[in-house]
């Protein structure tokens, strides 16, 4: 598979995961987050949310850096809620978010579902690598004792 094909597949996989996460949030917060009958509106909303996450979110994270440090990263949920609320405002009447409270709950649900699906599909951005501990020091041939501190 070429690098361009791999990027396209990852993009589509990410979009599908984002769409499923938004759909779960819509189902759990029935009435708070809604979309019109066409599934197409949900696809467009999740695509727009992905675009905003890619381009606007880093700028907001940089502006809110002191708050992010002070809250140990929990302010990220507020930024995600603002972006979801913005998607609702941009796509009004086709996709609606009634209040910031619903946007916050929706962002929390979308984050949890996205993390779980990304881990299940192997599309996770975070990976843990373990290294072997260093072995004993090699004898330099001096015959003297080596003291590690």
C-alpha atoms as a PDB file:
ATOM      1  CA  UNK A   1       0.000   0.000   0.000  1.00  0.00           C
ATOM      2  CA  UNK A   2       1.393   3.413  -0.948  1.00  0.00           C
ATOM      3  CA  UNK A   3       1.780   6.190   1.659  1.00  0.00           C
ATOM      4  CA  UNK A   4      -1.041   8.189   0.062  1.00  0.00           C
ATOM      5  CA  UNK A   5      -3.387   5.197   0.172  1.00  0.00           C
ATOM      6  CA  UNK A   6      -2.453   4.551   3.793  1.00  0.00           C
ATOM      7  CA  UNK A   7      -3.245   8.171   4.716  1.00  0.00           C
ATOM      8  CA  UNK A   8      -6.567   7.984   2.884  1.00  0.00           C
ATOM      9  CA  UNK A   9      -7.501   4.756   4.662  1.00  0.00           C
ATOM     10  CA  UNK A  10      -6.553   6.242   8.043  1.00  0.00           C
ATOM     11  CA  UNK A  11      -8.605   9.359   7.263  1.00  0.00           C
ATOM     12  CA  UNK A  12     -11.662   7.290   6.304  1.00  0.00           C
ATOM     13  CA  UNK A  13     -11.246   5.070   9.346  1.00  0.00           C
ATOM     14  CA  UNK A  14     -10.994   8.120  11.584  1.00  0.00           C
ATOM     15  CA  UNK A  15     -14.077   9.657   9.946  1.00  0.00           C
ATOM     16  CA  UNK A  16     -16.112   6.481  10.453  1.00  0.00           C
ATOM     17  CA  UNK A  17     -15.025   6.271  14.091  1.00  0.00           C
ATOM     18  CA  UNK A  18     -15.900   9.934  14.610  1.00  0.00           C
ATOM     19  CA  UNK A  19     -19.300   9.409  12.960  1.00  0.00           C
ATOM     20  CA  UNK A  20     -20.071   6.398  15.158  1.00  0.00           C
ATOM     21  CA  UNK A  21     -19.032   8.370  18.254  1.00  0.00           C
ATOM     22  CA  UNK A  22     -21.273  11.302  17.281  1.00  0.00           C
ATOM     23  CA  UNK A  23     -24.139   8.874  16.573  1.00  0.00           C
ATOM     24  CA  UNK A  24     -23.752   7.319  20.042  1.00  0.00           C
ATOM     25  CA  UNK A  25     -23.761  10.795  21.604  1.00  0.00           C
ATOM     26  CA  UNK A  26     -26.927  11.690  19.663  1.00  0.00           C
ATOM     27  CA  UNK A  27     -28.610   8.471  20.799  1.00  0.00           C
ATOM     28  CA  UNK A  28     -27.615   8.895  24.460  1.00  0.00           C
ATOM     29  CA  UNK A  29     -28.475  12.598  24.601  1.00  0.00           C
ATOM     30  CA  UNK A  30     -31.752  12.283  22.715  1.00  0.00           C
ATOM     31  CA  UNK A  31     -33.269  15.728  22.466  1.00  0.00           C
ATOM     32  CA  UNK A  32     -30.099  17.560  23.501  1.00  0.00           C
ATOM     33  CA  UNK A  33     -28.168  16.805  20.323  1.00  0.00           C
ATOM     34  CA  UNK A  34     -30.264  16.099  17.241  1.00  0.00           C
ATOM     35  CA  UNK A  35     -29.916  15.786  13.488  1.00  0.00           C
ATOM     36  CA  UNK A  36     -32.499  15.701  10.743  1.00  0.00           C
ATOM     37  CA  UNK A  37     -33.695  12.374   9.406  1.00  0.00           C
ATOM     38  CA  UNK A  38     -30.993  12.052   6.761  1.00  0.00           C
ATOM     39  CA  UNK A  39     -27.864  10.170   7.812  1.00  0.00           C
ATOM     40  CA  UNK A  40     -26.030  12.474   5.423  1.00  0.00           C
ATOM     41  CA  UNK A  41     -26.384  15.315   7.940  1.00  0.00           C
ATOM     42  CA  UNK A  42     -24.656  13.243  10.596  1.00  0.00           C
ATOM     43  CA  UNK A  43     -21.814  12.422   8.183  1.00  0.00           C
ATOM     44  CA  UNK A  44     -21.350  16.094   7.350  1.00  0.00           C
ATOM     45  CA  UNK A  45     -21.453  17.074  11.035  1.00  0.00           C
ATOM     46  CA  UNK A  46     -18.793  14.526  11.948  1.00  0.00           C
ATOM     47  CA  UNK A  47     -16.646  15.608   8.991  1.00  0.00           C
ATOM     48  CA  UNK A  48     -16.962  19.253  10.025  1.00  0.00           C
ATOM     49  CA  UNK A  49     -16.103  18.310  13.612  1.00  0.00           C
ATOM     50  CA  UNK A  50     -13.017  16.483  12.351  1.00  0.00           C
ATOM     51  CA  UNK A  51     -11.942  19.477  10.273  1.00  0.00           C
ATOM     52  CA  UNK A  52     -12.401  21.832  13.226  1.00  0.00           C
ATOM     53  CA  UNK A  53     -10.462  19.418  15.444  1.00  0.00           C
ATOM     54  CA  UNK A  54      -7.625  19.383  12.928  1.00  0.00           C
ATOM     55  CA  UNK A  55      -7.340  23.124  12.308  1.00  0.00           C
ATOM     56  CA  UNK A  56      -9.074  25.154  15.044  1.00  0.00           C
ATOM     57  CA  UNK A  57      -8.443  22.930  18.076  1.00  0.00           C
ATOM     58  CA  UNK A  58      -4.618  23.343  18.067  1.00  0.00           C
ATOM     59  CA  UNK A  59      -5.038  27.130  18.046  1.00  0.00           C
ATOM     60  CA  UNK A  60      -7.515  26.978  20.934  1.00  0.00           C
ATOM     61  CA  UNK A  61      -5.195  24.635  22.836  1.00  0.00           C
ATOM     62  CA  UNK A  62      -2.324  27.097  22.427  1.00  0.00           C
ATOM     63  CA  UNK A  63      -4.451  30.045  23.560  1.00  0.00           C
ATOM     64  CA  UNK A  64      -5.770  28.077  26.557  1.00  0.00           C
ATOM     65  CA  UNK A  65      -2.390  26.598  27.504  1.00  0.00           C
ATOM     66  CA  UNK A  66      -2.300  28.189  30.977  1.00  0.00           C
ATOM     67  CA  UNK A  67      -5.773  26.799  31.745  1.00  0.00           C
ATOM     68  CA  UNK A  68      -4.790  23.403  30.385  1.00  0.00           C
ATOM     69  CA  UNK A  69      -1.752  23.309  32.648  1.00  0.00           C
ATOM     70  CA  UNK A  70      -3.706  24.561  35.666  1.00  0.00           C
ATOM     71  CA  UNK A  71      -6.503  21.982  35.171  1.00  0.00           C
ATOM     72  CA  UNK A  72      -4.068  19.184  34.255  1.00  0.00           C
ATOM     73  CA  UNK A  73      -5.583  18.893  30.788  1.00  0.00           C
ATOM     74  CA  UNK A  74      -9.240  18.699  31.811  1.00  0.00           C
ATOM     75  CA  UNK A  75      -9.939  22.006  30.052  1.00  0.00           C
ATOM     76  CA  UNK A  76      -9.577  20.000  26.827  1.00  0.00           C
ATOM     77  CA  UNK A  77     -13.148  18.802  27.411  1.00  0.00           C
ATOM     78  CA  UNK A  78     -14.341  22.406  27.412  1.00  0.00           C
ATOM     79  CA  UNK A  79     -12.525  23.031  24.114  1.00  0.00           C
ATOM     80  CA  UNK A  80     -14.087  19.886  22.620  1.00  0.00           C
ATOM     81  CA  UNK A  81     -17.496  21.042  23.845  1.00  0.00           C
ATOM     82  CA  UNK A  82     -16.987  24.468  22.252  1.00  0.00           C
ATOM     83  CA  UNK A  83     -16.135  22.833  18.922  1.00  0.00           C
ATOM     84  CA  UNK A  84     -19.192  20.555  19.087  1.00  0.00           C
ATOM     85  CA  UNK A  85     -21.363  23.544  19.951  1.00  0.00           C
ATOM     86  CA  UNK A  86     -19.829  25.439  16.997  1.00  0.00           C
ATOM     87  CA  UNK A  87     -20.692  22.549  14.664  1.00  0.00           C
ATOM     88  CA  UNK A  88     -24.275  22.748  15.913  1.00  0.00           C
ATOM     89  CA  UNK A  89     -24.342  26.498  15.294  1.00  0.00           C
ATOM     90  CA  UNK A  90     -22.867  26.163  11.783  1.00  0.00           C
ATOM     91  CA  UNK A  91     -25.201  23.350  10.737  1.00  0.00           C
ATOM     92  CA  UNK A  92     -28.378  24.785  12.251  1.00  0.00           C
ATOM     93  CA  UNK A  93     -31.358  23.175  11.548  1.00  0.00           C
ATOM     94  CA  UNK A  94     -29.693  20.014  10.145  1.00  0.00           C
ATOM     95  CA  UNK A  95     -27.595  19.299  13.247  1.00  0.00           C
ATOM     96  CA  UNK A  96     -28.396  20.979  16.553  1.00  0.00           C
ATOM     97  CA  UNK A  97     -26.867  21.164  20.001  1.00  0.00           C
ATOM     98  CA  UNK A  98     -29.361  22.716  22.428  1.00  0.00           C
ATOM     99  CA  UNK A  99     -26.988  24.035  25.090  1.00  0.00           C
ATOM    100  CA  UNK A 100     -23.393  24.098  26.191  1.00  0.00           C
ATOM    101  CA  UNK A 101     -24.225  21.509  28.835  1.00  0.00           C
ATOM    102  CA  UNK A 102     -25.331  19.054  26.143  1.00  0.00           C
ATOM    103  CA  UNK A 103     -22.251  19.973  24.120  1.00  0.00           C
ATOM    104  CA  UNK A 104     -20.049  19.170  27.126  1.00  0.00           C
ATOM    105  CA  UNK A 105     -21.743  15.811  27.733  1.00  0.00           C
ATOM    106  CA  UNK A 106     -21.631  15.076  24.003  1.00  0.00           C
ATOM    107  CA  UNK A 107     -17.929  15.908  23.826  1.00  0.00           C
ATOM    108  CA  UNK A 108     -17.278  13.629  26.795  1.00  0.00           C
ATOM    109  CA  UNK A 109     -19.191  10.759  25.163  1.00  0.00           C
ATOM    110  CA  UNK A 110     -17.528  11.334  21.781  1.00  0.00           C
ATOM    111  CA  UNK A 111     -14.081  11.367  23.409  1.00  0.00           C
ATOM    112  CA  UNK A 112     -14.644   8.113  25.312  1.00  0.00           C
ATOM    113  CA  UNK A 113     -16.168   6.298  22.312  1.00  0.00           C
ATOM    114  CA  UNK A 114     -13.441   7.574  19.966  1.00  0.00           C
ATOM    115  CA  UNK A 115     -10.663   6.455  22.297  1.00  0.00           C
ATOM    116  CA  UNK A 116     -12.228   3.012  22.702  1.00  0.00           C
ATOM    117  CA  UNK A 117     -12.794   2.513  18.958  1.00  0.00           C
ATOM    118  CA  UNK A 118      -9.325   3.797  18.070  1.00  0.00           C
ATOM    119  CA  UNK A 119      -7.778   1.341  20.507  1.00  0.00           C
ATOM    120  CA  UNK A 120      -9.891  -1.515  19.134  1.00  0.00           C
ATOM    121  CA  UNK A 121      -9.028  -0.745  15.513  1.00  0.00           C
ATOM    122  CA  UNK A 122      -5.348  -0.070  16.135  1.00  0.00           C
ATOM    123  CA  UNK A 123      -5.731   3.521  14.982  1.00  0.00           C
ATOM    124  CA  UNK A 124      -4.605   4.929  18.341  1.00  0.00           C
ATOM    125  CA  UNK A 125      -2.146   7.790  18.389  1.00  0.00           C
ATOM    126  CA  UNK A 126      -0.648   6.722  21.701  1.00  0.00           C
ATOM    127  CA  UNK A 127       1.609   3.713  21.922  1.00  0.00           C
ATOM    128  CA  UNK A 128       3.584   2.318  24.806  1.00  0.00           C
ATOM    129  CA  UNK A 129       7.039   0.960  24.110  1.00  0.00           C
ATOM    130  CA  UNK A 130       9.050  -0.893  26.666  1.00  0.00           C
ATOM    131  CA  UNK A 131      12.813  -0.976  26.584  1.00  0.00           C
ATOM    132  CA  UNK A 132      14.998  -3.575  28.134  1.00  0.00           C
ATOM    133  CA  UNK A 133      16.723  -2.395  31.278  1.00  0.00           C
ATOM    134  CA  UNK A 134      20.402  -1.749  30.773  1.00  0.00           C
ATOM    135  CA  UNK A 135      22.595  -4.711  31.577  1.00  0.00           C
ATOM    136  CA  UNK A 136      25.519  -4.708  33.972  1.00  0.00           C
ATOM    137  CA  UNK A 137      28.405  -2.489  32.942  1.00  0.00           C
ATOM    138  CA  UNK A 138      31.042  -4.159  30.848  1.00  0.00           C
ATOM    139  CA  UNK A 139      34.356  -4.819  32.513  1.00  0.00           C
ATOM    140  CA  UNK A 140      36.880  -2.338  31.205  1.00  0.00           C
ATOM    141  CA  UNK A 141      39.758  -4.639  32.068  1.00  0.00           C
ATOM    142  CA  UNK A 142      41.151  -2.389  34.801  1.00  0.00           C
ATOM    143  CA  UNK A 143      40.462  -5.000  37.440  1.00  0.00           C
ATOM    144  CA  UNK A 144      39.150  -2.330  39.817  1.00  0.00           C
ATOM    145  CA  UNK A 145      35.768  -2.235  41.512  1.00  0.00           C
ATOM    146  CA  UNK A 146      32.981  -0.329  39.893  1.00  0.00           C
ATOM    147  CA  UNK A 147      30.573   1.563  42.102  1.00  0.00           C
ATOM    148  CA  UNK A 148      27.314   2.676  40.525  1.00  0.00           C
ATOM    149  CA  UNK A 149      25.544   5.512  42.250  1.00  0.00           C
END
